[in-house]
């Protein structure tokens, strides 16, 4: 797992399992763009939301709320993403 920049666009997001040891894959079509470690909690969310932090001129992805899950990325995993 290296450094990846997620450009604006639509991605398919998939994960291996719920828990603290999950791996989240971002894909566009059949092309895998990035795989990052994450904590995945199965829970209902009213809205889909993306959580970011700004470091200098970059936005760092910290988490995503989906309809039936919350994905949380560790700061080390998302540095430079």
PDB file of N, CA and C in Angstrom:
ATOM      1  N   UNK A   1       0.847  -1.176   0.000  1.00  0.00           N
ATOM      2  CA  UNK A   1       0.000   0.000   0.000  1.00  0.00           C
ATOM      3  C   UNK A   1       0.891   1.238   0.000  1.00  0.00           C
ATOM      4  N   UNK A   2       0.768   2.031  -1.036  1.00  0.00           N
ATOM      5  CA  UNK A   2       1.567   3.237  -1.140  1.00  0.00           C
ATOM      6  C   UNK A   2       0.696   4.461  -0.987  1.00  0.00           C
ATOM      7  N   UNK A   3       1.116   5.526  -1.636  1.00  0.00           N
ATOM      8  CA  UNK A   3       0.391   6.784  -1.573  1.00  0.00           C
ATOM      9  C   UNK A   3      -0.454   6.923  -2.825  1.00  0.00           C
ATOM     10  N   UNK A   4      -1.709   7.286  -2.661  1.00  0.00           N
ATOM     11  CA  UNK A   4      -2.610   7.485  -3.792  1.00  0.00           C
ATOM     12  C   UNK A   4      -3.366   8.780  -3.615  1.00  0.00           C
ATOM     13  N   UNK A   5      -3.606   9.448  -4.718  1.00  0.00           N
ATOM     14  CA  UNK A   5      -4.439  10.637  -4.708  1.00  0.00           C
ATOM     15  C   UNK A   5      -5.765  10.266  -5.348  1.00  0.00           C
ATOM     16  N   UNK A   6      -6.838  10.492  -4.618  1.00  0.00           N
ATOM     17  CA  UNK A   6      -8.167  10.242  -5.160  1.00  0.00           C
ATOM     18  C   UNK A   6      -8.654  11.540  -5.799  1.00  0.00           C
ATOM     19  N   UNK A   7      -8.701  11.556  -7.091  1.00  0.00           N
ATOM     20  CA  UNK A   7      -9.165  12.725  -7.819  1.00  0.00           C
ATOM     21  C   UNK A   7     -10.689  12.801  -7.723  1.00  0.00           C
ATOM     22  N   UNK A   8     -11.258  13.994  -7.884  1.00  0.00           N
ATOM     23  CA  UNK A   8     -12.716  14.099  -7.867  1.00  0.00           C
ATOM     24  C   UNK A   8     -13.325  13.133  -8.888  1.00  0.00           C
ATOM     25  N   UNK A   9     -14.377  12.473  -8.483  1.00  0.00           N
ATOM     26  CA  UNK A   9     -15.033  11.515  -9.369  1.00  0.00           C
ATOM     27  C   UNK A   9     -15.862  10.537  -8.576  1.00  0.00           C
ATOM     28  N   UNK A  10     -16.361   9.545  -9.265  1.00  0.00           N
ATOM     29  CA  UNK A  10     -17.164   8.507  -8.630  1.00  0.00           C
ATOM     30  C   UNK A  10     -16.322   7.259  -8.446  1.00  0.00           C
ATOM     31  N   UNK A  11     -16.418   6.678  -7.249  1.00  0.00           N
ATOM     32  CA  UNK A  11     -15.648   5.492  -6.911  1.00  0.00           C
ATOM     33  C   UNK A  11     -16.569   4.414  -6.359  1.00  0.00           C
ATOM     34  N   UNK A  12     -16.198   3.179  -6.591  1.00  0.00           N
ATOM     35  CA  UNK A  12     -16.814   2.056  -5.906  1.00  0.00           C
ATOM     36  C   UNK A  12     -15.953   1.799  -4.677  1.00  0.00           C
ATOM     37  N   UNK A  13     -16.603   1.666  -3.523  1.00  0.00           N
ATOM     38  CA  UNK A  13     -15.895   1.453  -2.267  1.00  0.00           C
ATOM     39  C   UNK A  13     -16.303   0.087  -1.731  1.00  0.00           C
ATOM     40  N   UNK A  14     -15.310  -0.759  -1.459  1.00  0.00           N
ATOM     41  CA  UNK A  14     -15.576  -2.097  -0.919  1.00  0.00           C
ATOM     42  C   UNK A  14     -14.613  -2.349   0.235  1.00  0.00           C
ATOM     43  N   UNK A  15     -15.023  -3.192   1.187  1.00  0.00           N
ATOM     44  CA  UNK A  15     -14.161  -3.512   2.328  1.00  0.00           C
ATOM     45  C   UNK A  15     -14.225  -4.989   2.609  1.00  0.00           C
ATOM     46  N   UNK A  16     -13.192  -5.455   3.335  1.00  0.00           N
ATOM     47  CA  UNK A  16     -13.056  -6.890   3.567  1.00  0.00           C
ATOM     48  C   UNK A  16     -13.998  -7.410   4.643  1.00  0.00           C
ATOM     49  N   UNK A  17     -14.181  -6.666   5.740  1.00  0.00           N
ATOM     50  CA  UNK A  17     -15.042  -7.120   6.843  1.00  0.00           C
ATOM     51  C   UNK A  17     -15.199  -5.979   7.832  1.00  0.00           C
ATOM     52  N   UNK A  18     -16.216  -6.071   8.668  1.00  0.00           N
ATOM     53  CA  UNK A  18     -16.373  -5.079   9.732  1.00  0.00           C
ATOM     54  C   UNK A  18     -15.291  -5.310  10.779  1.00  0.00           C
ATOM     55  N   UNK A  19     -14.895  -4.244  11.460  1.00  0.00           N
ATOM     56  CA  UNK A  19     -13.906  -4.350  12.525  1.00  0.00           C
ATOM     57  C   UNK A  19     -12.750  -3.398  12.305  1.00  0.00           C
ATOM     58  N   UNK A  20     -11.750  -3.535  13.167  1.00  0.00           N
ATOM     59  CA  UNK A  20     -10.617  -2.605  13.142  1.00  0.00           C
ATOM     60  C   UNK A  20      -9.534  -3.012  12.160  1.00  0.00           C
ATOM     61  N   UNK A  21      -9.615  -4.194  11.603  1.00  0.00           N
ATOM     62  CA  UNK A  21      -8.570  -4.706  10.708  1.00  0.00           C
ATOM     63  C   UNK A  21      -9.013  -4.787   9.255  1.00  0.00           C
ATOM     64  N   UNK A  22      -9.930  -3.956   8.843  1.00  0.00           N
ATOM     65  CA  UNK A  22     -10.466  -4.032   7.487  1.00  0.00           C
ATOM     66  C   UNK A  22      -9.555  -3.341   6.488  1.00  0.00           C
ATOM     67  N   UNK A  23      -9.684  -3.719   5.238  1.00  0.00           N
ATOM     68  CA  UNK A  23      -9.009  -3.038   4.140  1.00  0.00           C
ATOM     69  C   UNK A  23     -10.095  -2.524   3.205  1.00  0.00           C
ATOM     70  N   UNK A  24     -10.012  -1.233   2.864  1.00  0.00           N
ATOM     71  CA  UNK A  24     -11.004  -0.596   1.995  1.00  0.00           C
ATOM     72  C   UNK A  24     -10.372  -0.376   0.625  1.00  0.00           C
ATOM     73  N   UNK A  25     -11.091  -0.780  -0.409  1.00  0.00           N
ATOM     74  CA  UNK A  25     -10.628  -0.629  -1.787  1.00  0.00           C
ATOM     75  C   UNK A  25     -11.470   0.415  -2.496  1.00  0.00           C
ATOM     76  N   UNK A  26     -10.796   1.358  -3.152  1.00  0.00           N
ATOM     77  CA  UNK A  26     -11.446   2.366  -3.994  1.00  0.00           C
ATOM     78  C   UNK A  26     -11.172   1.974  -5.440  1.00  0.00           C
ATOM     79  N   UNK A  27     -12.232   1.839  -6.236  1.00  0.00           N
ATOM     80  CA  UNK A  27     -12.096   1.433  -7.633  1.00  0.00           C
ATOM     81  C   UNK A  27     -12.907   2.349  -8.532  1.00  0.00           C
ATOM     82  N   UNK A  28     -12.475   2.429  -9.796  1.00  0.00           N
ATOM     83  CA  UNK A  28     -13.248   3.088 -10.842  1.00  0.00           C
ATOM     84  C   UNK A  28     -13.332   2.084 -11.977  1.00  0.00           C
ATOM     85  N   UNK A  29     -14.560   1.658 -12.278  1.00  0.00           N
ATOM     86  CA  UNK A  29     -14.718   0.580 -13.253  1.00  0.00           C
ATOM     87  C   UNK A  29     -14.036  -0.661 -12.716  1.00  0.00           C
ATOM     88  N   UNK A  30     -13.177  -1.273 -13.527  1.00  0.00           N
ATOM     89  CA  UNK A  30     -12.447  -2.463 -13.075  1.00  0.00           C
ATOM     90  C   UNK A  30     -11.063  -2.125 -12.545  1.00  0.00           C
ATOM     91  N   UNK A  31     -10.722  -0.833 -12.508  1.00  0.00           N
ATOM     92  CA  UNK A  31      -9.391  -0.411 -12.078  1.00  0.00           C
ATOM     93  C   UNK A  31      -9.367  -0.084 -10.586  1.00  0.00           C
ATOM     94  N   UNK A  32      -8.495  -0.791  -9.858  1.00  0.00           N
ATOM     95  CA  UNK A  32      -8.302  -0.536  -8.428  1.00  0.00           C
ATOM     96  C   UNK A  32      -7.419   0.701  -8.287  1.00  0.00           C
ATOM     97  N   UNK A  33      -7.915   1.719  -7.586  1.00  0.00           N
ATOM     98  CA  UNK A  33      -7.190   2.973  -7.431  1.00  0.00           C
ATOM     99  C   UNK A  33      -6.357   2.981  -6.154  1.00  0.00           C
ATOM    100  N   UNK A  34      -6.937   2.511  -5.052  1.00  0.00           N
ATOM    101  CA  UNK A  34      -6.224   2.530  -3.766  1.00  0.00           C
ATOM    102  C   UNK A  34      -6.808   1.484  -2.834  1.00  0.00           C
ATOM    103  N   UNK A  35      -5.949   0.948  -1.956  1.00  0.00           N
ATOM    104  CA  UNK A  35      -6.361   0.049  -0.871  1.00  0.00           C
ATOM    105  C   UNK A  35      -5.766   0.617   0.405  1.00  0.00           C
ATOM    106  N   UNK A  36      -6.619   0.874   1.402  1.00  0.00           N
ATOM    107  CA  UNK A  36      -6.147   1.457   2.662  1.00  0.00           C
ATOM    108  C   UNK A  36      -6.738   0.720   3.854  1.00  0.00           C
ATOM    109  N   UNK A  37      -5.981   0.654   4.964  1.00  0.00           N
ATOM    110  CA  UNK A  37      -6.533   0.053   6.183  1.00  0.00           C
ATOM    111  C   UNK A  37      -7.573   0.988   6.793  1.00  0.00           C
ATOM    112  N   UNK A  38      -8.568   0.398   7.424  1.00  0.00           N
ATOM    113  CA  UNK A  38      -9.642   1.206   8.015  1.00  0.00           C
ATOM    114  C   UNK A  38     -10.334   0.434   9.120  1.00  0.00           C
ATOM    115  N   UNK A  39     -11.098   1.164   9.914  1.00  0.00           N
ATOM    116  CA  UNK A  39     -12.033   0.568  10.852  1.00  0.00           C
ATOM    117  C   UNK A  39     -13.402   0.685  10.211  1.00  0.00           C
ATOM    118  N   UNK A  40     -14.115  -0.425  10.146  1.00  0.00           N
ATOM    119  CA  UNK A  40     -15.446  -0.449   9.537  1.00  0.00           C
ATOM    120  C   UNK A  40     -16.460  -0.834  10.608  1.00  0.00           C
ATOM    121  N   UNK A  41     -17.423   0.061  10.838  1.00  0.00           N
ATOM    122  CA  UNK A  41     -18.493  -0.207  11.795  1.00  0.00           C
ATOM    123  C   UNK A  41     -19.794  -0.348  11.026  1.00  0.00           C
ATOM    124  N   UNK A  42     -20.484  -1.465  11.207  1.00  0.00           N
ATOM    125  CA  UNK A  42     -21.790  -1.654  10.579  1.00  0.00           C
ATOM    126  C   UNK A  42     -22.803  -0.861  11.375  1.00  0.00           C
ATOM    127  N   UNK A  43     -23.324   0.203  10.785  1.00  0.00           N
ATOM    128  CA  UNK A  43     -24.342   1.004  11.451  1.00  0.00           C
ATOM    129  C   UNK A  43     -25.138   1.761  10.405  1.00  0.00           C
ATOM    130  N   UNK A  44     -26.361   2.082  10.750  1.00  0.00           N
ATOM    131  CA  UNK A  44     -27.247   2.830   9.852  1.00  0.00           C
ATOM    132  C   UNK A  44     -26.899   4.312   9.931  1.00  0.00           C
ATOM    133  N   UNK A  45     -26.784   4.954   8.785  1.00  0.00           N
ATOM    134  CA  UNK A  45     -26.548   6.390   8.696  1.00  0.00           C
ATOM    135  C   UNK A  45     -27.650   6.999   7.837  1.00  0.00           C
ATOM    136  N   UNK A  46     -28.142   8.143   8.238  1.00  0.00           N
ATOM    137  CA  UNK A  46     -29.215   8.806   7.497  1.00  0.00           C
ATOM    138  C   UNK A  46     -28.738   9.320   6.141  1.00  0.00           C
ATOM    139  N   UNK A  47     -27.492   9.806   6.100  1.00  0.00           N
ATOM    140  CA  UNK A  47     -26.954  10.398   4.879  1.00  0.00           C
ATOM    141  C   UNK A  47     -25.584   9.830   4.570  1.00  0.00           C
ATOM    142  N   UNK A  48     -25.212   9.863   3.296  1.00  0.00           N
ATOM    143  CA  UNK A  48     -23.847   9.553   2.905  1.00  0.00           C
ATOM    144  C   UNK A  48     -23.033  10.819   3.100  1.00  0.00           C
ATOM    145  N   UNK A  49     -21.921  10.711   3.817  1.00  0.00           N
ATOM    146  CA  UNK A  49     -21.064  11.862   4.100  1.00  0.00           C
ATOM    147  C   UNK A  49     -19.607  11.469   3.973  1.00  0.00           C
ATOM    148  N   UNK A  50     -18.795  12.425   3.561  1.00  0.00           N
ATOM    149  CA  UNK A  50     -17.351  12.245   3.506  1.00  0.00           C
ATOM    150  C   UNK A  50     -16.737  13.213   4.499  1.00  0.00           C
ATOM    151  N   UNK A  51     -15.798  12.722   5.311  1.00  0.00           N
ATOM    152  CA  UNK A  51     -15.126  13.557   6.304  1.00  0.00           C
ATOM    153  C   UNK A  51     -13.675  13.751   5.888  1.00  0.00           C
ATOM    154  N   UNK A  52     -13.243  15.003   5.825  1.00  0.00           N
ATOM    155  CA  UNK A  52     -11.878  15.314   5.439  1.00  0.00           C
ATOM    156  C   UNK A  52     -11.253  16.284   6.436  1.00  0.00           C
ATOM    157  N   UNK A  53      -9.937  16.374   6.397  1.00  0.00           N
ATOM    158  CA  UNK A  53      -9.174  17.378   7.134  1.00  0.00           C
ATOM    159  C   UNK A  53      -8.259  18.042   6.118  1.00  0.00           C
ATOM    160  N   UNK A  54      -7.976  19.302   6.325  1.00  0.00           N
ATOM    161  CA  UNK A  54      -7.096  20.020   5.413  1.00  0.00           C
ATOM    162  C   UNK A  54      -5.713  20.147   6.034  1.00  0.00           C
ATOM    163  N   UNK A  55      -4.703  19.739   5.282  1.00  0.00           N
ATOM    164  CA  UNK A  55      -3.314  19.867   5.691  1.00  0.00           C
ATOM    165  C   UNK A  55      -2.596  20.630   4.584  1.00  0.00           C
ATOM    166  N   UNK A  56      -2.230  21.865   4.865  1.00  0.00           N
ATOM    167  CA  UNK A  56      -1.637  22.694   3.814  1.00  0.00           C
ATOM    168  C   UNK A  56      -2.655  22.924   2.722  1.00  0.00           C
ATOM    169  N   UNK A  57      -2.362  22.468   1.522  1.00  0.00           N
ATOM    170  CA  UNK A  57      -3.293  22.625   0.402  1.00  0.00           C
ATOM    171  C   UNK A  57      -4.014  21.325   0.062  1.00  0.00           C
ATOM    172  N   UNK A  58      -3.765  20.258   0.831  1.00  0.00           N
ATOM    173  CA  UNK A  58      -4.382  18.963   0.549  1.00  0.00           C
ATOM    174  C   UNK A  58      -5.529  18.664   1.500  1.00  0.00           C
ATOM    175  N   UNK A  59      -6.533  17.963   0.983  1.00  0.00           N
ATOM    176  CA  UNK A  59      -7.595  17.428   1.828  1.00  0.00           C
ATOM    177  C   UNK A  59      -7.282  15.962   2.072  1.00  0.00           C
ATOM    178  N   UNK A  60      -7.325  15.562   3.325  1.00  0.00           N
ATOM    179  CA  UNK A  60      -7.029  14.192   3.722  1.00  0.00           C
ATOM    180  C   UNK A  60      -8.341  13.497   4.088  1.00  0.00           C
ATOM    181  N   UNK A  61      -8.621  12.379   3.439  1.00  0.00           N
ATOM    182  CA  UNK A  61      -9.835  11.619   3.711  1.00  0.00           C
ATOM    183  C   UNK A  61      -9.724  10.944   5.075  1.00  0.00           C
ATOM    184  N   UNK A  62     -10.677  11.249   5.963  1.00  0.00           N
ATOM    185  CA  UNK A  62     -10.661  10.663   7.307  1.00  0.00           C
ATOM    186  C   UNK A  62     -11.745   9.610   7.504  1.00  0.00           C
ATOM    187  N   UNK A  63     -12.849   9.732   6.783  1.00  0.00           N
ATOM    188  CA  UNK A  63     -13.914   8.758   6.960  1.00  0.00           C
ATOM    189  C   UNK A  63     -15.040   8.957   5.981  1.00  0.00           C
ATOM    190  N   UNK A  64     -15.887   7.932   5.905  1.00  0.00           N
ATOM    191  CA  UNK A  64     -17.059   7.964   5.033  1.00  0.00           C
ATOM    192  C   UNK A  64     -18.217   7.321   5.778  1.00  0.00           C
ATOM    193  N   UNK A  65     -19.354   8.007   5.815  1.00  0.00           N
ATOM    194  CA  UNK A  65     -20.599   7.402   6.286  1.00  0.00           C
ATOM    195  C   UNK A  65     -21.367   6.933   5.063  1.00  0.00           C
ATOM    196  N   UNK A  66     -21.680   5.644   5.033  1.00  0.00           N
ATOM    197  CA  UNK A  66     -22.517   5.069   3.986  1.00  0.00           C
ATOM    198  C   UNK A  66     -23.841   4.669   4.617  1.00  0.00           C
ATOM    199  N   UNK A  67     -24.774   4.214   3.813  1.00  0.00           N
ATOM    200  CA  UNK A  67     -26.103   3.873   4.321  1.00  0.00           C
ATOM    201  C   UNK A  67     -26.051   2.859   5.466  1.00  0.00           C
ATOM    202  N   UNK A  68     -25.210   1.829   5.335  1.00  0.00           N
ATOM    203  CA  UNK A  68     -25.169   0.767   6.342  1.00  0.00           C
ATOM    204  C   UNK A  68     -23.812   0.560   6.997  1.00  0.00           C
ATOM    205  N   UNK A  69     -22.906   1.529   6.857  1.00  0.00           N
ATOM    206  CA  UNK A  69     -21.573   1.363   7.451  1.00  0.00           C
ATOM    207  C   UNK A  69     -20.875   2.715   7.593  1.00  0.00           C
ATOM    208  N   UNK A  70     -19.955   2.778   8.548  1.00  0.00           N
ATOM    209  CA  UNK A  70     -19.084   3.932   8.721  1.00  0.00           C
ATOM    210  C   UNK A  70     -17.652   3.451   8.572  1.00  0.00           C
ATOM    211  N   UNK A  71     -16.899   4.067   7.653  1.00  0.00           N
ATOM    212  CA  UNK A  71     -15.507   3.730   7.404  1.00  0.00           C
ATOM    213  C   UNK A  71     -14.656   4.843   8.011  1.00  0.00           C
ATOM    214  N   UNK A  72     -13.695   4.479   8.854  1.00  0.00           N
ATOM    215  CA  UNK A  72     -12.806   5.452   9.469  1.00  0.00           C
ATOM    216  C   UNK A  72     -11.377   5.086   9.124  1.00  0.00           C
ATOM    217  N   UNK A  73     -10.652   6.052   8.578  1.00  0.00           N
ATOM    218  CA  UNK A  73      -9.261   5.826   8.163  1.00  0.00           C
ATOM    219  C   UNK A  73      -8.329   6.453   9.186  1.00  0.00           C
ATOM    220  N   UNK A  74      -7.231   5.750   9.495  1.00  0.00           N
ATOM    221  CA  UNK A  74      -6.268   6.278  10.456  1.00  0.00           C
ATOM    222  C   UNK A  74      -5.453   7.371   9.785  1.00  0.00           C
ATOM    223  N   UNK A  75      -4.952   8.348  10.562  1.00  0.00           N
ATOM    224  CA  UNK A  75      -4.161   9.433   9.968  1.00  0.00           C
ATOM    225  C   UNK A  75      -2.957   8.923   9.176  1.00  0.00           C
ATOM    226  N   UNK A  76      -2.280   7.893   9.667  1.00  0.00           N
ATOM    227  CA  UNK A  76      -1.113   7.359   8.945  1.00  0.00           C
ATOM    228  C   UNK A  76      -1.519   6.729   7.624  1.00  0.00           C
ATOM    229  N   UNK A  77      -2.709   6.096   7.600  1.00  0.00           N
ATOM    230  CA  UNK A  77      -3.161   5.419   6.382  1.00  0.00           C
ATOM    231  C   UNK A  77      -3.579   6.414   5.313  1.00  0.00           C
ATOM    232  N   UNK A  78      -4.039   7.591   5.717  1.00  0.00           N
ATOM    233  CA  UNK A  78      -4.575   8.530   4.744  1.00  0.00           C
ATOM    234  C   UNK A  78      -3.630   9.671   4.412  1.00  0.00           C
ATOM    235  N   UNK A  79      -2.454   9.693   4.999  1.00  0.00           N
ATOM    236  CA  UNK A  79      -1.509  10.779   4.703  1.00  0.00           C
ATOM    237  C   UNK A  79      -1.166  10.733   3.221  1.00  0.00           C
ATOM    238  N   UNK A  80      -1.394  11.839   2.547  1.00  0.00           N
ATOM    239  CA  UNK A  80      -1.086  11.921   1.130  1.00  0.00           C
ATOM    240  C   UNK A  80      -2.125  11.315   0.226  1.00  0.00           C
ATOM    241  N   UNK A  81      -3.273  10.940   0.733  1.00  0.00           N
ATOM    242  CA  UNK A  81      -4.330  10.359  -0.089  1.00  0.00           C
ATOM    243  C   UNK A  81      -5.217  11.429  -0.659  1.00  0.00           C
TER     244      UNK A  81
END
